[in-house]
């Protein structure tokens, strides 16, 4: 999410409806600010290219390089190149660490 001052931050969202017959009539949403526990480097996150964002989103979903390549219409080798860029950008050495940083 984005604060009023433009700063990016992460939240955990959960919600439920009070009226099952018309779920949009009465709903209750709870937002927990996760960035208080983990700092969010908005300048680093903002510096991702659109393709890096696409790759990162699919990595978070636990997709393999082949699956990402197929979903985006690029070769698995190209996915590896973008993943390597993200690893360097975030200063981590494994995909698991990268996903942890992205979350």
N, C-alpha and C. Protein backbone atom coordinates (compact mmCIF):
# COMPACT_ATOMS: atom_id res chain seq x y z
N UNK A 1 0.85 -1.17 0.00
CA UNK A 1 0.00 0.00 0.00
C UNK A 1 0.89 1.23 0.00
N UNK A 2 0.27 2.37 -0.18
CA UNK A 2 1.02 3.62 -0.21
C UNK A 2 0.41 4.58 0.80
N UNK A 3 1.27 5.17 1.64
CA UNK A 3 0.81 6.13 2.63
C UNK A 3 0.45 7.46 1.94
N UNK A 4 -0.16 8.34 2.65
CA UNK A 4 -0.51 9.66 2.11
C UNK A 4 0.68 10.44 1.62
N UNK A 5 1.87 10.21 2.22
CA UNK A 5 3.08 10.92 1.81
C UNK A 5 3.81 10.23 0.65
N UNK A 6 3.23 9.15 0.12
CA UNK A 6 3.82 8.44 -1.01
C UNK A 6 4.71 7.28 -0.64
N UNK A 7 5.01 7.10 0.65
CA UNK A 7 5.87 6.01 1.10
C UNK A 7 5.15 4.67 0.95
N UNK A 8 5.86 3.67 0.40
CA UNK A 8 5.31 2.33 0.25
C UNK A 8 5.43 1.58 1.57
N UNK A 9 4.43 0.75 1.87
CA UNK A 9 4.51 -0.10 3.05
C UNK A 9 3.69 -1.35 2.81
N UNK A 10 4.00 -2.40 3.57
CA UNK A 10 3.36 -3.69 3.43
C UNK A 10 2.31 -3.87 4.52
N UNK A 11 1.18 -4.46 4.13
CA UNK A 11 0.12 -4.74 5.09
C UNK A 11 -0.37 -6.17 4.92
N UNK A 12 -0.90 -6.71 6.00
CA UNK A 12 -1.60 -7.98 5.97
C UNK A 12 -3.08 -7.63 6.05
N UNK A 13 -3.86 -8.11 5.09
CA UNK A 13 -5.27 -7.74 5.02
C UNK A 13 -6.13 -8.99 5.21
N UNK A 14 -7.15 -8.87 6.03
CA UNK A 14 -8.14 -9.93 6.14
C UNK A 14 -9.49 -9.26 6.30
N UNK A 15 -10.51 -9.96 5.86
CA UNK A 15 -11.83 -9.38 5.95
C UNK A 15 -12.91 -10.44 5.87
N UNK A 16 -14.11 -10.04 6.26
CA UNK A 16 -15.24 -10.94 6.14
C UNK A 16 -16.52 -10.12 6.03
N UNK A 17 -17.56 -10.77 5.56
CA UNK A 17 -18.85 -10.11 5.40
C UNK A 17 -19.75 -10.43 6.59
N UNK A 18 -20.58 -9.48 6.93
CA UNK A 18 -21.55 -9.68 8.00
C UNK A 18 -22.89 -10.16 7.44
N UNK A 19 -23.05 -10.06 6.13
CA UNK A 19 -24.31 -10.42 5.49
C UNK A 19 -24.00 -11.33 4.30
N UNK A 20 -24.18 -12.62 4.45
CA UNK A 20 -23.82 -13.58 3.40
C UNK A 20 -24.70 -13.45 2.16
N UNK A 21 -25.93 -13.01 2.30
CA UNK A 21 -26.80 -12.89 1.13
C UNK A 21 -26.39 -11.69 0.26
N UNK A 22 -25.80 -10.66 0.85
CA UNK A 22 -25.29 -9.50 0.10
C UNK A 22 -23.92 -9.15 0.69
N UNK A 23 -22.87 -9.84 0.24
CA UNK A 23 -21.56 -9.72 0.88
C UNK A 23 -20.95 -8.32 0.82
N UNK A 24 -21.39 -7.47 -0.10
CA UNK A 24 -20.80 -6.14 -0.19
C UNK A 24 -21.56 -5.11 0.64
N UNK A 25 -22.68 -5.51 1.21
CA UNK A 25 -23.47 -4.58 2.01
C UNK A 25 -22.76 -4.23 3.31
N UNK A 26 -22.32 -5.23 4.04
CA UNK A 26 -21.64 -5.01 5.31
C UNK A 26 -20.39 -5.89 5.36
N UNK A 27 -19.25 -5.24 5.35
CA UNK A 27 -17.99 -5.98 5.44
C UNK A 27 -17.12 -5.36 6.51
N UNK A 28 -16.21 -6.16 7.00
CA UNK A 28 -15.25 -5.70 8.00
C UNK A 28 -13.86 -6.07 7.51
N UNK A 29 -12.99 -5.08 7.41
CA UNK A 29 -11.63 -5.29 6.95
C UNK A 29 -10.66 -4.94 8.06
N UNK A 30 -9.60 -5.72 8.19
CA UNK A 30 -8.54 -5.45 9.16
C UNK A 30 -7.22 -5.36 8.42
N UNK A 31 -6.46 -4.32 8.68
CA UNK A 31 -5.16 -4.10 8.07
C UNK A 31 -4.11 -4.06 9.16
N UNK A 32 -3.04 -4.84 8.99
CA UNK A 32 -1.93 -4.84 9.94
C UNK A 32 -0.70 -4.32 9.20
N UNK A 33 -0.12 -3.27 9.71
CA UNK A 33 1.06 -2.66 9.11
C UNK A 33 2.27 -3.55 9.39
N UNK A 34 2.78 -4.22 8.35
CA UNK A 34 3.93 -5.11 8.50
C UNK A 34 5.25 -4.38 8.42
N UNK A 35 5.26 -3.17 7.89
CA UNK A 35 6.51 -2.45 7.71
C UNK A 35 7.10 -1.97 9.02
N UNK A 36 6.32 -1.99 10.10
CA UNK A 36 6.87 -1.59 11.40
C UNK A 36 7.86 -2.65 11.89
N UNK A 37 7.61 -3.92 11.55
CA UNK A 37 8.52 -5.00 11.94
C UNK A 37 9.68 -5.12 10.97
N UNK A 38 9.41 -4.92 9.69
CA UNK A 38 10.42 -5.06 8.65
C UNK A 38 10.47 -3.76 7.85
N UNK A 39 11.64 -3.15 7.77
CA UNK A 39 11.73 -1.90 7.03
C UNK A 39 11.56 -2.17 5.54
N UNK A 40 10.90 -1.26 4.88
CA UNK A 40 10.65 -1.38 3.45
C UNK A 40 11.50 -0.34 2.76
N UNK A 41 12.38 -0.80 1.90
CA UNK A 41 13.24 0.12 1.17
C UNK A 41 12.51 0.51 -0.11
N UNK A 42 11.69 1.56 -0.03
CA UNK A 42 10.85 1.93 -1.15
C UNK A 42 11.68 2.37 -2.35
N UNK A 43 12.86 2.96 -2.13
CA UNK A 43 13.68 3.37 -3.26
C UNK A 43 14.18 2.16 -4.03
N UNK A 44 14.54 1.09 -3.30
CA UNK A 44 15.00 -0.13 -3.95
C UNK A 44 13.85 -0.79 -4.69
N UNK A 45 12.69 -0.90 -4.04
CA UNK A 45 11.54 -1.53 -4.66
C UNK A 45 11.05 -0.71 -5.85
N UNK A 46 11.15 0.59 -5.72
CA UNK A 46 10.71 1.46 -6.82
C UNK A 46 11.66 1.41 -8.00
N UNK A 47 12.88 0.91 -7.80
CA UNK A 47 13.85 0.87 -8.88
C UNK A 47 13.73 -0.39 -9.74
N UNK A 48 12.79 -1.27 -9.41
CA UNK A 48 12.60 -2.47 -10.23
C UNK A 48 11.96 -2.09 -11.56
N UNK A 49 12.43 -2.74 -12.61
CA UNK A 49 11.81 -2.54 -13.91
C UNK A 49 10.48 -3.29 -13.94
N UNK A 50 9.61 -2.94 -14.87
CA UNK A 50 8.33 -3.67 -14.96
C UNK A 50 8.54 -5.18 -15.13
N UNK A 51 9.52 -5.60 -15.91
CA UNK A 51 9.77 -7.02 -16.11
C UNK A 51 10.28 -7.66 -14.82
N UNK A 52 11.13 -6.95 -14.09
CA UNK A 52 11.60 -7.48 -12.80
C UNK A 52 10.42 -7.64 -11.83
N UNK A 53 9.48 -6.71 -11.87
CA UNK A 53 8.29 -6.83 -11.02
C UNK A 53 7.48 -8.05 -11.39
N UNK A 54 7.35 -8.30 -12.71
CA UNK A 54 6.62 -9.49 -13.18
C UNK A 54 7.29 -10.77 -12.67
N UNK A 55 8.61 -10.82 -12.82
CA UNK A 55 9.37 -12.00 -12.39
C UNK A 55 9.24 -12.16 -10.87
N UNK A 56 9.40 -11.07 -10.13
CA UNK A 56 9.32 -11.12 -8.67
C UNK A 56 7.95 -11.62 -8.21
N UNK A 57 6.90 -11.13 -8.84
CA UNK A 57 5.54 -11.55 -8.45
C UNK A 57 5.36 -13.05 -8.64
N UNK A 58 5.89 -13.59 -9.72
CA UNK A 58 5.76 -15.02 -9.98
C UNK A 58 6.69 -15.85 -9.09
N UNK A 59 7.84 -15.30 -8.72
CA UNK A 59 8.72 -15.99 -7.78
C UNK A 59 8.04 -16.11 -6.42
N UNK A 60 7.34 -15.06 -6.02
CA UNK A 60 6.61 -15.08 -4.75
C UNK A 60 5.55 -16.17 -4.76
N UNK A 61 4.99 -16.44 -5.93
CA UNK A 61 3.99 -17.50 -6.07
C UNK A 61 4.62 -18.88 -6.18
N UNK A 62 5.94 -18.96 -5.97
CA UNK A 62 6.68 -20.22 -5.99
C UNK A 62 6.72 -20.88 -7.37
N UNK A 63 6.68 -20.08 -8.43
CA UNK A 63 6.77 -20.61 -9.79
C UNK A 63 8.23 -20.91 -10.13
N UNK A 64 8.44 -21.92 -10.96
CA UNK A 64 9.79 -22.26 -11.42
C UNK A 64 10.16 -21.35 -12.58
N UNK A 65 11.44 -21.37 -12.95
CA UNK A 65 11.89 -20.57 -14.09
C UNK A 65 11.16 -20.92 -15.37
N UNK A 66 10.92 -22.21 -15.59
CA UNK A 66 10.20 -22.65 -16.78
C UNK A 66 8.76 -22.15 -16.76
N UNK A 67 8.11 -22.23 -15.59
CA UNK A 67 6.73 -21.77 -15.47
C UNK A 67 6.63 -20.26 -15.67
N UNK A 68 7.60 -19.52 -15.13
CA UNK A 68 7.61 -18.07 -15.30
C UNK A 68 7.81 -17.73 -16.76
N UNK A 69 8.77 -18.41 -17.40
CA UNK A 69 9.02 -18.16 -18.82
C UNK A 69 7.79 -18.41 -19.67
N UNK A 70 7.11 -19.49 -19.39
CA UNK A 70 5.90 -19.82 -20.14
C UNK A 70 4.81 -18.77 -19.92
N UNK A 71 4.64 -18.35 -18.66
CA UNK A 71 3.60 -17.36 -18.32
C UNK A 71 3.87 -16.00 -18.98
N UNK A 72 5.16 -15.63 -19.08
CA UNK A 72 5.51 -14.31 -19.62
C UNK A 72 5.90 -14.35 -21.09
N UNK A 73 5.99 -15.54 -21.66
CA UNK A 73 6.36 -15.66 -23.07
C UNK A 73 7.82 -15.35 -23.33
N UNK A 74 8.68 -15.70 -22.37
CA UNK A 74 10.13 -15.52 -22.52
C UNK A 74 10.82 -16.84 -22.20
N UNK A 75 12.10 -16.92 -22.53
CA UNK A 75 12.82 -18.17 -22.29
C UNK A 75 13.18 -18.31 -20.81
N UNK A 76 13.31 -19.54 -20.34
CA UNK A 76 13.75 -19.75 -18.95
C UNK A 76 15.11 -19.12 -18.67
N UNK A 77 15.97 -19.06 -19.67
CA UNK A 77 17.29 -18.43 -19.50
C UNK A 77 17.13 -16.93 -19.24
N UNK A 78 16.20 -16.29 -19.92
CA UNK A 78 15.94 -14.87 -19.69
C UNK A 78 15.40 -14.66 -18.27
N UNK A 79 14.57 -15.57 -17.82
CA UNK A 79 14.06 -15.51 -16.44
C UNK A 79 15.24 -15.57 -15.47
N UNK A 80 16.21 -16.46 -15.74
CA UNK A 80 17.40 -16.58 -14.88
C UNK A 80 18.19 -15.27 -14.84
N UNK A 81 18.28 -14.59 -15.98
CA UNK A 81 19.01 -13.32 -16.03
C UNK A 81 18.33 -12.29 -15.13
N UNK A 82 17.01 -12.18 -15.23
CA UNK A 82 16.27 -11.23 -14.39
C UNK A 82 16.34 -11.62 -12.92
N UNK A 83 16.26 -12.93 -12.65
CA UNK A 83 16.35 -13.39 -11.26
C UNK A 83 17.71 -13.05 -10.67
N UNK A 84 18.77 -13.21 -11.46
CA UNK A 84 20.12 -12.87 -11.01
C UNK A 84 20.22 -11.38 -10.71
N UNK A 85 19.61 -10.54 -11.54
CA UNK A 85 19.61 -9.10 -11.28
C UNK A 85 18.93 -8.78 -9.96
N UNK A 86 17.79 -9.46 -9.71
CA UNK A 86 17.07 -9.24 -8.46
C UNK A 86 17.88 -9.71 -7.25
N UNK A 87 18.55 -10.85 -7.39
CA UNK A 87 19.40 -11.36 -6.30
C UNK A 87 20.48 -10.34 -5.95
N UNK A 88 21.12 -9.77 -6.97
CA UNK A 88 22.17 -8.78 -6.74
C UNK A 88 21.60 -7.50 -6.14
N UNK A 89 20.45 -7.06 -6.65
CA UNK A 89 19.82 -5.83 -6.17
C UNK A 89 19.48 -5.91 -4.69
N UNK A 90 19.01 -7.08 -4.26
CA UNK A 90 18.61 -7.26 -2.87
C UNK A 90 19.72 -7.82 -2.00
N UNK A 91 20.88 -8.11 -2.60
CA UNK A 91 22.03 -8.57 -1.84
C UNK A 91 21.84 -9.93 -1.17
N UNK A 92 21.16 -10.85 -1.87
CA UNK A 92 20.92 -12.19 -1.33
C UNK A 92 21.51 -13.21 -2.29
N UNK A 93 21.60 -14.47 -1.82
CA UNK A 93 22.25 -15.49 -2.63
C UNK A 93 21.33 -16.62 -3.08
N UNK A 94 20.10 -16.63 -2.60
CA UNK A 94 19.20 -17.71 -3.00
C UNK A 94 17.81 -17.15 -3.30
N UNK A 95 17.05 -17.93 -4.05
CA UNK A 95 15.68 -17.53 -4.38
C UNK A 95 14.83 -17.44 -3.12
N UNK A 96 15.04 -18.35 -2.18
CA UNK A 96 14.27 -18.33 -0.94
C UNK A 96 14.51 -17.03 -0.17
N UNK A 97 15.79 -16.60 -0.10
CA UNK A 97 16.11 -15.33 0.57
C UNK A 97 15.50 -14.16 -0.18
N UNK A 98 15.52 -14.22 -1.51
CA UNK A 98 14.92 -13.16 -2.33
C UNK A 98 13.45 -13.03 -2.06
N UNK A 99 12.74 -14.15 -2.06
CA UNK A 99 11.30 -14.13 -1.80
C UNK A 99 11.02 -13.56 -0.42
N UNK A 100 11.85 -13.92 0.55
CA UNK A 100 11.68 -13.40 1.91
C UNK A 100 11.85 -11.88 1.91
N UNK A 101 12.83 -11.38 1.18
CA UNK A 101 13.05 -9.94 1.09
C UNK A 101 11.89 -9.24 0.38
N UNK A 102 11.39 -9.88 -0.67
CA UNK A 102 10.28 -9.28 -1.43
C UNK A 102 9.01 -9.21 -0.60
N UNK A 103 8.81 -10.19 0.26
CA UNK A 103 7.62 -10.19 1.11
C UNK A 103 7.81 -9.26 2.28
